[in-house]
Structure formats: structure tokens, C-alpha cells
Amino acid sequence: MPGPGRRRLLTLAATAILTAPPSGRPVAAQEPLSHIPFCSSDSSARAFVEQVRFRVAGTDSLSRRAQAAVGLSPLATDEVNLVVDDGVCLAASTAYASHGGTPGGMPAPFPVAVVRAGDRYLVRLPDPDPAGRGEPRTLVFDVQFRPVGGYGAVP
């Protein structure tokens, strides 16, 4: 029969084994979500802002039809900005994944490039097409992250 010290050690070992996370990694080694940046603000994201500014700047009838087809309307360029708030980007990532924007159905959360244009959020993956195969898949959401449109074909 083991002594009280040995019994306590065996109890602690059994508890540690039974409460270990399923991944086998210690909890301390896992990265908490609060430390993962969800907003992309690299050169690709800054180029995305400029593309959106160009897209919403047109006020002629052809531009308005193109804007309306993807859920946008004409705006002044100062109403188009890159989002750097991780809470907004987390919500955008979840909405993007929920509406089929990710290749292979990648689950959220993941980093996204988000542009606020008036009462719309435009969301795409950061540097989604480094090979330059076409316009990246961009989804357009209202401020409640309900889908209103989108464009581009490369997910």
C-alpha cells in the first residue's frame, strides 16, 4: 500500500492525464485568440482599399449599375477606409466563411482584409491571389454582416 505522499502524487498524475486537452499539447502552449491578428493591413490590404475607392468613385450610369450589381453605391473616397479593429475583422472572418468565401470551406477565424465603404464592409483574404490569376473573391456585407453582394472569382 503506497504512503500518503505517493498516493497524492498518483492522484495528481491521474488528474493531469484525465484533464489534458485532446490535442495532447499543454494548455499554456496554445495561442489564445486574443493574440491572433484578424485584420490584414499589409500592402495587399492597402491596395484593396485603393481598388474599392476606385470602384465606388464613379457616378455615371455605367458605374452605378456596376456598383449596384455588387451591393455598393457611389461614395466619396474619404468614406472608404481599411478596418484595423480586430473585433470587426473577427466578425467579418466569420461572415466570410459562412457565405462560402473560403477555399475548401476553411473554418473561421482567420485573418481577412476588410474595407469599410459607407454602410458596407468588403471582405477578402489577405493576398488571396499571389499568382495574379484574376480578381480575388470579395464579399460585400451590410453593417450587420448580412451578405449583399460580391465579386471576383478566385477564392
C-alpha atoms as a PDB file:
ATOM      1  CA  MET A   1       0.000   0.000   0.000  1.00  0.00           C
ATOM      2  CA  PRO A   2       1.547   3.353  -1.018  1.00  0.00           C
ATOM      3  CA  GLY A   3       2.110   6.024   1.589  1.00  0.00           C
ATOM      4  CA  PRO A   4       0.120   9.328   1.732  1.00  0.00           C
ATOM      5  CA  GLY A   5       2.784  11.255  -0.259  1.00  0.00           C
ATOM      6  CA  ARG A   6       2.912   8.651  -3.011  1.00  0.00           C
ATOM      7  CA  ARG A   7      -0.913   8.405  -3.083  1.00  0.00           C
ATOM      8  CA  ARG A   8      -1.170  12.203  -3.526  1.00  0.00           C
ATOM      9  CA  LEU A   9       1.408  12.102  -6.353  1.00  0.00           C
ATOM     10  CA  LEU A  10      -0.540   9.322  -8.126  1.00  0.00           C
ATOM     11  CA  THR A  11      -3.785  11.303  -7.723  1.00  0.00           C
ATOM     12  CA  LEU A  12      -2.200  14.424  -9.212  1.00  0.00           C
ATOM     13  CA  ALA A  13      -0.758  12.445 -12.131  1.00  0.00           C
ATOM     14  CA  ALA A  14      -4.122  10.791 -12.846  1.00  0.00           C
ATOM     15  CA  THR A  15      -5.888  14.165 -12.698  1.00  0.00           C
ATOM     16  CA  ALA A  16      -3.366  15.697 -15.113  1.00  0.00           C
ATOM     17  CA  ILE A  17      -3.841  12.846 -17.575  1.00  0.00           C
ATOM     18  CA  LEU A  18      -7.640  12.958 -17.395  1.00  0.00           C
ATOM     19  CA  THR A  19      -7.856  16.741 -17.799  1.00  0.00           C
ATOM     20  CA  ALA A  20      -5.259  17.146 -20.556  1.00  0.00           C
ATOM     21  CA  PRO A  21      -6.578  18.799 -23.740  1.00  0.00           C
ATOM     22  CA  PRO A  22      -7.400  16.362 -26.577  1.00  0.00           C
ATOM     23  CA  SER A  23      -4.652  17.834 -28.769  1.00  0.00           C
ATOM     24  CA  GLY A  24      -2.051  16.479 -26.392  1.00  0.00           C
ATOM     25  CA  ARG A  25      -0.463  19.944 -26.164  1.00  0.00           C
ATOM     26  CA  PRO A  26      -0.364  21.650 -22.790  1.00  0.00           C
ATOM     27  CA  VAL A  27      -2.939  24.423 -22.451  1.00  0.00           C
ATOM     28  CA  ALA A  28      -0.192  27.002 -21.873  1.00  0.00           C
ATOM     29  CA  ALA A  29       1.279  26.260 -25.314  1.00  0.00           C
ATOM     30  CA  GLN A  30      -1.936  27.053 -27.164  1.00  0.00           C
ATOM     31  CA  GLU A  31      -2.227  30.550 -28.621  1.00  0.00           C
ATOM     32  CA  PRO A  32      -5.259  32.389 -27.218  1.00  0.00           C
ATOM     33  CA  LEU A  33      -7.480  34.010 -29.849  1.00  0.00           C
ATOM     34  CA  SER A  34      -6.793  37.433 -28.346  1.00  0.00           C
ATOM     35  CA  HIS A  35      -3.194  37.233 -29.644  1.00  0.00           C
ATOM     36  CA  ILE A  36      -4.028  36.356 -33.252  1.00  0.00           C
ATOM     37  CA  PRO A  37      -4.319  39.415 -35.535  1.00  0.00           C
ATOM     38  CA  PHE A  38      -7.527  39.134 -37.551  1.00  0.00           C
ATOM     39  CA  CYS A  39      -7.068  42.338 -39.584  1.00  0.00           C
ATOM     40  CA  SER A  40      -4.719  42.342 -42.521  1.00  0.00           C
ATOM     41  CA  SER A  41      -3.078  45.722 -43.029  1.00  0.00           C
ATOM     42  CA  ASP A  42      -0.219  44.794 -45.354  1.00  0.00           C
ATOM     43  CA  SER A  43       0.465  46.204 -48.824  1.00  0.00           C
ATOM     44  CA  SER A  44      -2.153  43.889 -50.345  1.00  0.00           C
ATOM     45  CA  ALA A  45      -4.795  45.271 -47.962  1.00  0.00           C
ATOM     46  CA  ARG A  46      -3.775  48.867 -48.721  1.00  0.00           C
ATOM     47  CA  ALA A  47      -4.076  48.116 -52.452  1.00  0.00           C
ATOM     48  CA  PHE A  48      -7.532  46.655 -51.746  1.00  0.00           C
ATOM     49  CA  VAL A  49      -8.607  49.997 -50.209  1.00  0.00           C
ATOM     50  CA  GLU A  50      -7.491  51.846 -53.330  1.00  0.00           C
ATOM     51  CA  GLN A  51      -9.359  49.381 -55.563  1.00  0.00           C
ATOM     52  CA  VAL A  52     -12.550  49.900 -53.556  1.00  0.00           C
ATOM     53  CA  ARG A  53     -12.118  53.689 -53.689  1.00  0.00           C
ATOM     54  CA  PHE A  54     -11.847  53.466 -57.470  1.00  0.00           C
ATOM     55  CA  ARG A  55     -14.877  51.140 -57.657  1.00  0.00           C
ATOM     56  CA  VAL A  56     -17.175  53.472 -55.663  1.00  0.00           C
ATOM     57  CA  ALA A  57     -15.907  56.774 -57.111  1.00  0.00           C
ATOM     58  CA  GLY A  58     -17.796  56.518 -60.402  1.00  0.00           C
ATOM     59  CA  THR A  59     -21.079  58.402 -60.632  1.00  0.00           C
ATOM     60  CA  ASP A  60     -22.026  57.819 -64.281  1.00  0.00           C
ATOM     61  CA  SER A  61     -24.835  55.382 -65.141  1.00  0.00           C
ATOM     62  CA  LEU A  62     -22.470  52.533 -66.103  1.00  0.00           C
ATOM     63  CA  SER A  63     -20.554  52.871 -62.813  1.00  0.00           C
ATOM     64  CA  ARG A  64     -23.796  52.995 -60.826  1.00  0.00           C
ATOM     65  CA  ARG A  65     -25.048  49.782 -62.478  1.00  0.00           C
ATOM     66  CA  ALA A  66     -21.730  48.041 -61.739  1.00  0.00           C
ATOM     67  CA  GLN A  67     -21.833  49.261 -58.122  1.00  0.00           C
ATOM     68  CA  ALA A  68     -25.453  48.196 -57.610  1.00  0.00           C
ATOM     69  CA  ALA A  69     -24.727  44.736 -59.041  1.00  0.00           C
ATOM     70  CA  VAL A  70     -22.352  44.025 -56.143  1.00  0.00           C
ATOM     71  CA  GLY A  71     -24.235  45.855 -53.377  1.00  0.00           C
ATOM     72  CA  LEU A  72     -22.389  49.191 -53.473  1.00  0.00           C
ATOM     73  CA  SER A  73     -23.282  52.806 -54.217  1.00  0.00           C
ATOM     74  CA  PRO A  74     -21.229  55.882 -55.163  1.00  0.00           C
ATOM     75  CA  LEU A  75     -19.189  57.312 -52.288  1.00  0.00           C
ATOM     76  CA  ALA A  76     -16.558  59.958 -51.704  1.00  0.00           C
ATOM     77  CA  THR A  77     -13.109  58.395 -51.385  1.00  0.00           C
ATOM     78  CA  ASP A  78     -12.775  59.626 -47.788  1.00  0.00           C
ATOM     79  CA  GLU A  79     -15.691  57.327 -46.847  1.00  0.00           C
ATOM     80  CA  VAL A  80     -13.605  54.251 -47.768  1.00  0.00           C
ATOM     81  CA  ASN A  81     -11.153  53.044 -45.123  1.00  0.00           C
ATOM     82  CA  LEU A  82      -9.160  49.989 -44.111  1.00  0.00           C
ATOM     83  CA  VAL A  83     -10.528  48.362 -40.951  1.00  0.00           C
ATOM     84  CA  VAL A  84      -7.979  47.575 -38.234  1.00  0.00           C
ATOM     85  CA  ASP A  85     -10.367  46.721 -35.364  1.00  0.00           C
ATOM     86  CA  ASP A  86      -9.894  43.015 -34.562  1.00  0.00           C
ATOM     87  CA  GLY A  87     -13.495  42.706 -33.307  1.00  0.00           C
ATOM     88  CA  VAL A  88     -14.838  43.845 -36.679  1.00  0.00           C
ATOM     89  CA  CYS A  89     -12.351  41.643 -38.556  1.00  0.00           C
ATOM     90  CA  LEU A  90     -13.298  38.614 -36.449  1.00  0.00           C
ATOM     91  CA  ALA A  91     -16.974  39.156 -37.323  1.00  0.00           C
ATOM     92  CA  ALA A  92     -16.023  39.684 -40.974  1.00  0.00           C
ATOM     93  CA  SER A  93     -13.975  36.464 -40.989  1.00  0.00           C
ATOM     94  CA  THR A  94     -16.917  34.514 -39.597  1.00  0.00           C
ATOM     95  CA  ALA A  95     -19.327  36.025 -42.133  1.00  0.00           C
ATOM     96  CA  TYR A  96     -16.878  35.384 -44.990  1.00  0.00           C
ATOM     97  CA  ALA A  97     -16.516  31.714 -44.008  1.00  0.00           C
ATOM     98  CA  SER A  98     -20.289  31.331 -43.532  1.00  0.00           C
ATOM     99  CA  HIS A  99     -21.038  32.553 -47.036  1.00  0.00           C
ATOM    100  CA  GLY A 100     -18.637  30.373 -48.984  1.00  0.00           C
ATOM    101  CA  GLY A 101     -15.788  32.786 -49.430  1.00  0.00           C
ATOM    102  CA  THR A 102     -13.032  30.401 -48.342  1.00  0.00           C
ATOM    103  CA  PRO A 103     -11.331  27.707 -50.376  1.00  0.00           C
ATOM    104  CA  GLY A 104     -12.229  24.257 -49.138  1.00  0.00           C
ATOM    105  CA  GLY A 105     -14.587  25.663 -46.507  1.00  0.00           C
ATOM    106  CA  MET A 106     -11.793  26.821 -44.169  1.00  0.00           C
ATOM    107  CA  PRO A 107     -13.381  27.460 -40.754  1.00  0.00           C
ATOM    108  CA  ALA A 108     -13.219  30.885 -39.135  1.00  0.00           C
ATOM    109  CA  PRO A 109     -11.492  32.636 -37.543  1.00  0.00           C
ATOM    110  CA  PHE A 110      -8.702  33.585 -39.910  1.00  0.00           C
ATOM    111  CA  PRO A 111      -7.140  36.919 -40.936  1.00  0.00           C
ATOM    112  CA  VAL A 112      -9.030  38.985 -43.509  1.00  0.00           C
ATOM    113  CA  ALA A 113      -8.643  42.302 -45.279  1.00  0.00           C
ATOM    114  CA  VAL A 114     -11.693  44.445 -44.515  1.00  0.00           C
ATOM    115  CA  VAL A 115     -12.632  47.765 -46.087  1.00  0.00           C
ATOM    116  CA  ARG A 116     -15.464  49.914 -44.762  1.00  0.00           C
ATOM    117  CA  ALA A 117     -17.215  51.781 -47.576  1.00  0.00           C
ATOM    118  CA  GLY A 118     -20.090  53.818 -46.199  1.00  0.00           C
ATOM    119  CA  ASP A 119     -22.545  51.297 -44.750  1.00  0.00           C
ATOM    120  CA  ARG A 120     -20.817  48.297 -46.344  1.00  0.00           C
ATOM    121  CA  TYR A 121     -17.931  46.030 -45.424  1.00  0.00           C
ATOM    122  CA  LEU A 122     -15.925  44.485 -48.254  1.00  0.00           C
ATOM    123  CA  VAL A 123     -14.029  41.390 -47.141  1.00  0.00           C
ATOM    124  CA  ARG A 124     -11.373  39.249 -48.785  1.00  0.00           C
ATOM    125  CA  LEU A 125      -8.497  37.019 -47.788  1.00  0.00           C
ATOM    126  CA  PRO A 126      -5.157  38.816 -47.442  1.00  0.00           C
ATOM    127  CA  ASP A 127      -3.110  38.465 -50.623  1.00  0.00           C
ATOM    128  CA  PRO A 128      -5.644  35.952 -51.950  1.00  0.00           C
ATOM    129  CA  ASP A 129      -4.126  35.550 -55.402  1.00  0.00           C
ATOM    130  CA  PRO A 130      -0.338  35.947 -55.343  1.00  0.00           C
ATOM    131  CA  ALA A 131      -0.121  34.267 -58.767  1.00  0.00           C
ATOM    132  CA  GLY A 132      -2.234  37.041 -60.315  1.00  0.00           C
ATOM    133  CA  ARG A 133      -4.843  34.676 -61.816  1.00  0.00           C
ATOM    134  CA  GLY A 134      -7.730  37.127 -61.622  1.00  0.00           C
ATOM    135  CA  GLU A 135      -9.747  39.366 -59.359  1.00  0.00           C
ATOM    136  CA  PRO A 136      -9.885  37.901 -55.841  1.00  0.00           C
ATOM    137  CA  ARG A 137     -13.183  36.792 -54.322  1.00  0.00           C
ATOM    138  CA  THR A 138     -14.581  39.755 -52.399  1.00  0.00           C
ATOM    139  CA  LEU A 139     -17.804  39.512 -50.410  1.00  0.00           C
ATOM    140  CA  VAL A 140     -19.867  42.607 -49.574  1.00  0.00           C
ATOM    141  CA  PHE A 141     -21.798  42.781 -46.289  1.00  0.00           C
ATOM    142  CA  ASP A 142     -24.003  45.347 -44.582  1.00  0.00           C
ATOM    143  CA  VAL A 143     -23.052  46.622 -41.106  1.00  0.00           C
ATOM    144  CA  GLN A 144     -24.812  43.612 -39.516  1.00  0.00           C
ATOM    145  CA  PHE A 145     -22.636  41.301 -41.682  1.00  0.00           C
ATOM    146  CA  ARG A 146     -25.546  40.139 -43.816  1.00  0.00           C
ATOM    147  CA  PRO A 147     -24.408  39.436 -47.397  1.00  0.00           C
ATOM    148  CA  VAL A 148     -25.454  41.987 -50.016  1.00  0.00           C
ATOM    149  CA  GLY A 149     -23.190  41.059 -52.918  1.00  0.00           C
ATOM    150  CA  GLY A 150     -19.757  40.149 -54.057  1.00  0.00           C
ATOM    151  CA  TYR A 151     -17.388  39.942 -56.973  1.00  0.00           C
ATOM    152  CA  GLY A 152     -14.287  38.179 -58.191  1.00  0.00           C
ATOM    153  CA  ALA A 153     -13.805  34.520 -58.858  1.00  0.00           C
ATOM    154  CA  VAL A 154     -10.580  33.447 -57.176  1.00  0.00           C
ATOM    155  CA  PRO A 155     -11.392  32.183 -53.668  1.00  0.00           C
END
